[in-house]
Amino acid sequence: MIYEVISLNVGKPQTYKFGEQILHTGFVKKPAKDACFLTKTGFKEDGQADLKNHGGEEKALLMYSEDHYPYWKNLYKQNFTYPAFGENITVKGLTEKELYIGDVFKIGEAVIQVAQPRQPCYKIAVYHQLKDITAVVTNTGYSGYYFRVLQEGEVSNSDKLEKIEESYVKVTPFDIFECLFHDRENRDRMEEYRSIPALSANVKNTLSKRIRKLGG
């Protein structure tokens, strides 16, 4: 299956003022005119300020579906321009429910694998100056998803995203997100999800900690 890349977005961490709040962040990205090189830890032209919660090999590339943009425009009665959610790739026709953890895609010269859902950050609210938007992202699951990089290479906004291998485990980023935020005491579900080979280690650790708290 082949999907259209709407926008390729990168940005190095900088200090910004949003309203009355000053924030040093890499959340603010802009569409790239030229090809960018995707490494194991992300695009060379990109970066994160908070390396404890962002970046690394399991969060090398953040993708967000263009399909969600009309929802946000209608909800807040304002325009949201790409990349409004800090995503590296804005993609058409591929929401959190339409791919599986472990799916492998080719984009440009790079090969990437779905690793986990994005867990919403307060910076979304600060950037847009909308106090409740992070909570709405959490409620809807319109959060985006992360990839690890299996093969490094150049990527441009004219490239297509092609699925080249589908995971045998039919668990979506939305399923994982729902378990993390809305079904937090479902032991059976957590046990199932933490056994998925391709799921990021940090998410597996979160699930394991919750299982232990339940008496596991």
Protein backbone atom coordinates (compact mmCIF):
# COMPACT_ATOMS: atom_id res chain seq x y z
CA MET A 1 0.00 0.00 0.00
CA ILE A 2 1.25 3.46 -0.89
CA TYR A 3 0.45 6.70 0.96
CA GLU A 4 1.01 10.33 0.05
CA VAL A 5 3.42 12.46 2.06
CA ILE A 6 1.75 15.83 2.51
CA SER A 7 4.64 17.52 4.29
CA LEU A 8 8.17 16.66 5.49
CA ASN A 9 8.96 18.78 8.54
CA VAL A 10 12.10 19.48 10.56
CA GLY A 11 13.35 21.99 13.12
CA LYS A 12 16.20 22.38 15.58
CA PRO A 13 15.44 23.30 19.21
CA GLN A 14 15.06 27.03 19.80
CA THR A 15 13.69 29.32 22.49
CA TYR A 16 10.23 30.74 21.81
CA LYS A 17 7.68 32.88 23.63
CA PHE A 18 4.11 31.60 23.48
CA GLY A 19 1.78 34.00 25.23
CA GLU A 20 3.49 34.63 28.56
CA GLN A 21 5.45 31.38 28.55
CA ILE A 22 9.02 30.97 27.36
CA LEU A 23 9.88 27.51 26.08
CA HIS A 24 13.01 25.92 24.66
CA THR A 25 11.75 23.22 22.32
CA GLY A 26 12.13 21.35 19.06
CA PHE A 27 8.36 21.03 18.70
CA VAL A 28 8.21 23.93 16.24
CA LYS A 29 9.03 22.53 12.81
CA LYS A 30 8.71 23.82 9.26
CA PRO A 31 8.18 22.08 5.92
CA ALA A 32 11.51 21.15 4.35
CA LYS A 33 12.16 22.24 0.77
CA ASP A 34 15.13 19.93 0.29
CA ALA A 35 15.73 16.26 1.01
CA CYS A 36 16.70 15.42 4.60
CA PHE A 37 18.83 12.55 5.85
CA LEU A 38 17.09 10.15 8.23
CA THR A 39 19.45 8.53 10.75
CA LYS A 40 18.78 5.92 13.44
CA THR A 41 17.87 8.74 15.86
CA GLY A 42 15.99 11.03 13.49
CA PHE A 43 16.57 13.54 10.72
CA LYS A 44 19.97 15.26 10.80
CA GLU A 45 18.14 18.54 10.20
CA ASP A 46 15.83 17.96 13.18
CA GLY A 47 16.25 17.84 16.96
CA GLN A 48 14.65 17.68 20.40
CA ALA A 49 15.27 19.82 23.46
CA ASP A 50 13.88 17.36 26.02
CA LEU A 51 15.93 14.23 25.38
CA LYS A 52 14.48 12.46 28.42
CA ASN A 53 10.99 12.28 26.91
CA HIS A 54 11.66 12.76 23.21
CA GLY A 55 14.02 11.44 20.57
CA GLY A 56 16.15 8.31 20.61
CA GLU A 57 16.01 5.27 18.36
CA GLU A 58 12.48 4.25 19.40
CA LYS A 59 11.12 7.73 18.62
CA ALA A 60 13.22 8.57 15.60
CA LEU A 61 10.38 9.82 13.40
CA LEU A 62 6.97 11.17 14.36
CA MET A 63 4.14 10.82 11.85
CA TYR A 64 0.70 12.43 11.99
CA SER A 65 -2.30 11.89 9.75
CA GLU A 66 -3.60 14.78 7.68
CA ASP A 67 -7.01 13.17 8.10
CA HIS A 68 -7.26 14.63 11.63
CA TYR A 69 -6.71 18.25 10.59
CA PRO A 70 -10.37 18.96 9.64
CA TYR A 71 -11.42 17.77 13.11
CA TRP A 72 -9.16 20.29 14.83
CA LYS A 73 -10.20 23.10 12.48
CA ASN A 74 -13.88 22.41 13.14
CA LEU A 75 -13.41 22.05 16.92
CA TYR A 76 -11.47 25.27 17.47
CA LYS A 77 -12.77 27.27 14.49
CA GLN A 78 -9.25 28.13 13.34
CA ASN A 79 -6.74 26.91 10.79
CA PHE A 80 -4.05 24.41 11.69
CA THR A 81 -1.12 24.46 9.28
CA TYR A 82 1.34 21.59 8.84
CA PRO A 83 3.03 20.52 11.06
CA ALA A 84 0.64 21.68 13.79
CA PHE A 85 1.44 18.69 16.01
CA GLY A 86 5.22 18.73 15.79
CA GLU A 87 5.29 15.84 13.33
CA ASN A 88 8.18 15.05 10.99
CA ILE A 89 5.85 13.58 8.38
CA THR A 90 2.28 14.65 7.69
CA VAL A 91 0.72 11.73 5.82
CA LYS A 92 -2.57 11.31 4.00
CA GLY A 93 -4.86 8.38 4.75
CA LEU A 94 -3.03 6.63 7.58
CA THR A 95 -4.47 7.21 11.03
CA GLU A 96 -3.50 5.50 14.30
CA LYS A 97 -6.14 2.83 13.61
CA GLU A 98 -4.90 1.97 10.11
CA LEU A 99 -1.48 0.44 10.73
CA TYR A 100 0.04 -2.02 13.18
CA ILE A 101 2.92 -1.99 15.64
CA GLY A 102 5.76 -3.64 13.72
CA ASP A 103 4.61 -2.64 10.22
CA VAL A 104 7.57 -1.80 7.99
CA PHE A 105 7.49 1.03 5.44
CA LYS A 106 9.86 2.44 2.84
CA ILE A 107 10.13 6.19 2.38
CA GLY A 108 12.76 7.54 0.02
CA GLU A 109 15.98 5.65 0.74
CA ALA A 110 14.94 4.88 4.33
CA VAL A 111 13.15 1.88 5.82
CA ILE A 112 11.16 2.49 9.02
CA GLN A 113 9.09 0.42 11.46
CA VAL A 114 6.10 1.43 13.61
CA ALA A 115 7.27 1.37 17.23
CA GLN A 116 4.67 3.07 19.45
CA PRO A 117 1.95 5.73 19.69
CA ARG A 118 2.95 9.26 20.54
CA GLN A 119 1.99 10.20 24.09
CA PRO A 120 0.68 13.79 24.03
CA CYS A 121 2.82 16.53 25.53
CA TYR A 122 1.82 19.78 27.23
CA LYS A 123 3.78 21.64 24.55
CA ILE A 124 0.90 21.11 22.11
CA ALA A 125 -1.26 23.31 24.34
CA VAL A 126 1.49 25.89 24.89
CA TYR A 127 2.29 26.14 21.18
CA HIS A 128 -1.34 26.60 20.13
CA GLN A 129 -2.33 28.59 23.24
CA LEU A 130 -5.29 26.23 23.67
CA LYS A 131 -5.44 25.01 27.26
CA ASP A 132 -7.52 21.91 26.65
CA ILE A 133 -6.05 20.59 23.39
CA THR A 134 -3.67 18.11 25.04
CA ALA A 135 -6.63 16.63 26.93
CA VAL A 136 -8.61 16.41 23.69
CA VAL A 137 -5.72 14.62 21.99
CA THR A 138 -5.74 12.17 24.89
CA ASN A 139 -9.51 11.66 24.69
CA THR A 140 -9.60 11.15 20.92
CA GLY A 141 -6.35 9.26 20.47
CA TYR A 142 -5.45 11.60 17.59
CA SER A 143 -1.87 11.57 18.80
CA GLY A 144 0.35 10.36 15.97
CA TYR A 145 2.85 7.52 16.11
CA TYR A 146 6.59 6.93 16.18
CA PHE A 147 8.92 4.88 14.00
CA ARG A 148 12.33 3.36 14.53
CA VAL A 149 14.71 3.47 11.56
CA LEU A 150 15.81 0.12 10.11
CA GLN A 151 17.72 1.63 7.19
CA GLU A 152 19.05 5.16 7.06
CA GLY A 153 18.76 7.32 3.96
CA GLU A 154 17.55 10.49 2.29
CA VAL A 155 13.87 11.41 2.39
CA SER A 156 12.09 14.20 0.52
CA ASN A 157 8.56 15.56 0.56
CA SER A 158 8.00 14.17 -2.93
CA ASP A 159 8.57 10.59 -1.75
CA LYS A 160 5.73 8.15 -1.17
CA LEU A 161 5.28 6.08 1.97
CA GLU A 162 5.05 2.42 0.96
CA LYS A 163 4.17 -0.45 3.28
CA ILE A 164 6.56 -3.31 2.49
CA GLU A 165 5.83 -5.64 5.40
CA GLU A 166 2.75 -6.01 7.58
CA SER A 167 3.09 -7.12 11.18
CA TYR A 168 1.64 -10.49 12.12
CA VAL A 169 0.50 -8.88 15.37
CA LYS A 170 -2.68 -6.95 14.57
CA VAL A 171 -2.39 -4.32 17.31
CA THR A 172 -2.57 -0.68 16.26
CA PRO A 173 -0.96 2.39 17.84
CA PHE A 174 -4.51 3.40 18.78
CA ASP A 175 -4.95 0.12 20.69
CA ILE A 176 -1.76 0.75 22.67
CA PHE A 177 -2.75 4.36 23.30
CA GLU A 178 -6.19 3.34 24.55
CA CYS A 179 -4.62 0.85 26.94
CA LEU A 180 -2.13 3.41 28.25
CA PHE A 181 -4.67 6.15 28.87
CA HIS A 182 -8.17 4.67 29.07
CA ASP A 183 -7.85 1.03 30.09
CA ARG A 184 -5.08 1.29 32.64
CA GLU A 185 -6.01 -1.69 34.83
CA ASN A 186 -6.72 -4.29 32.17
CA ARG A 187 -4.08 -6.82 33.13
CA ASP A 188 -4.78 -9.26 30.28
CA ARG A 189 -4.52 -6.53 27.70
CA MET A 190 -1.27 -5.20 29.16
CA GLU A 191 0.21 -8.70 29.26
CA GLU A 192 -0.68 -9.18 25.60
CA TYR A 193 0.74 -5.86 24.47
CA ARG A 194 4.02 -6.05 26.37
CA SER A 195 4.78 -9.32 24.54
CA ILE A 196 4.73 -7.62 21.10
CA PRO A 197 8.34 -7.86 19.84
CA ALA A 198 8.27 -4.58 17.89
CA LEU A 199 6.71 -2.45 20.66
CA SER A 200 9.12 0.12 22.11
CA ALA A 201 10.95 -0.87 25.30
CA ASN A 202 9.78 2.24 27.17
CA VAL A 203 6.12 1.35 26.58
CA LYS A 204 6.74 -2.26 27.62
CA ASN A 205 8.36 -0.97 30.82
CA THR A 206 5.33 1.21 31.56
CA LEU A 207 3.00 -1.76 31.10
CA SER A 208 5.22 -3.98 33.27
CA LYS A 209 5.21 -1.42 36.09
CA ARG A 210 1.42 -1.22 35.99
CA ILE A 211 1.11 -5.00 36.05
CA ARG A 212 3.36 -5.15 39.12
CA LYS A 213 1.21 -2.55 40.86
CA LEU A 214 -1.81 -4.74 40.21
CA GLY A 215 -0.04 -7.55 42.01
CA GLY A 216 1.80 -9.17 39.13
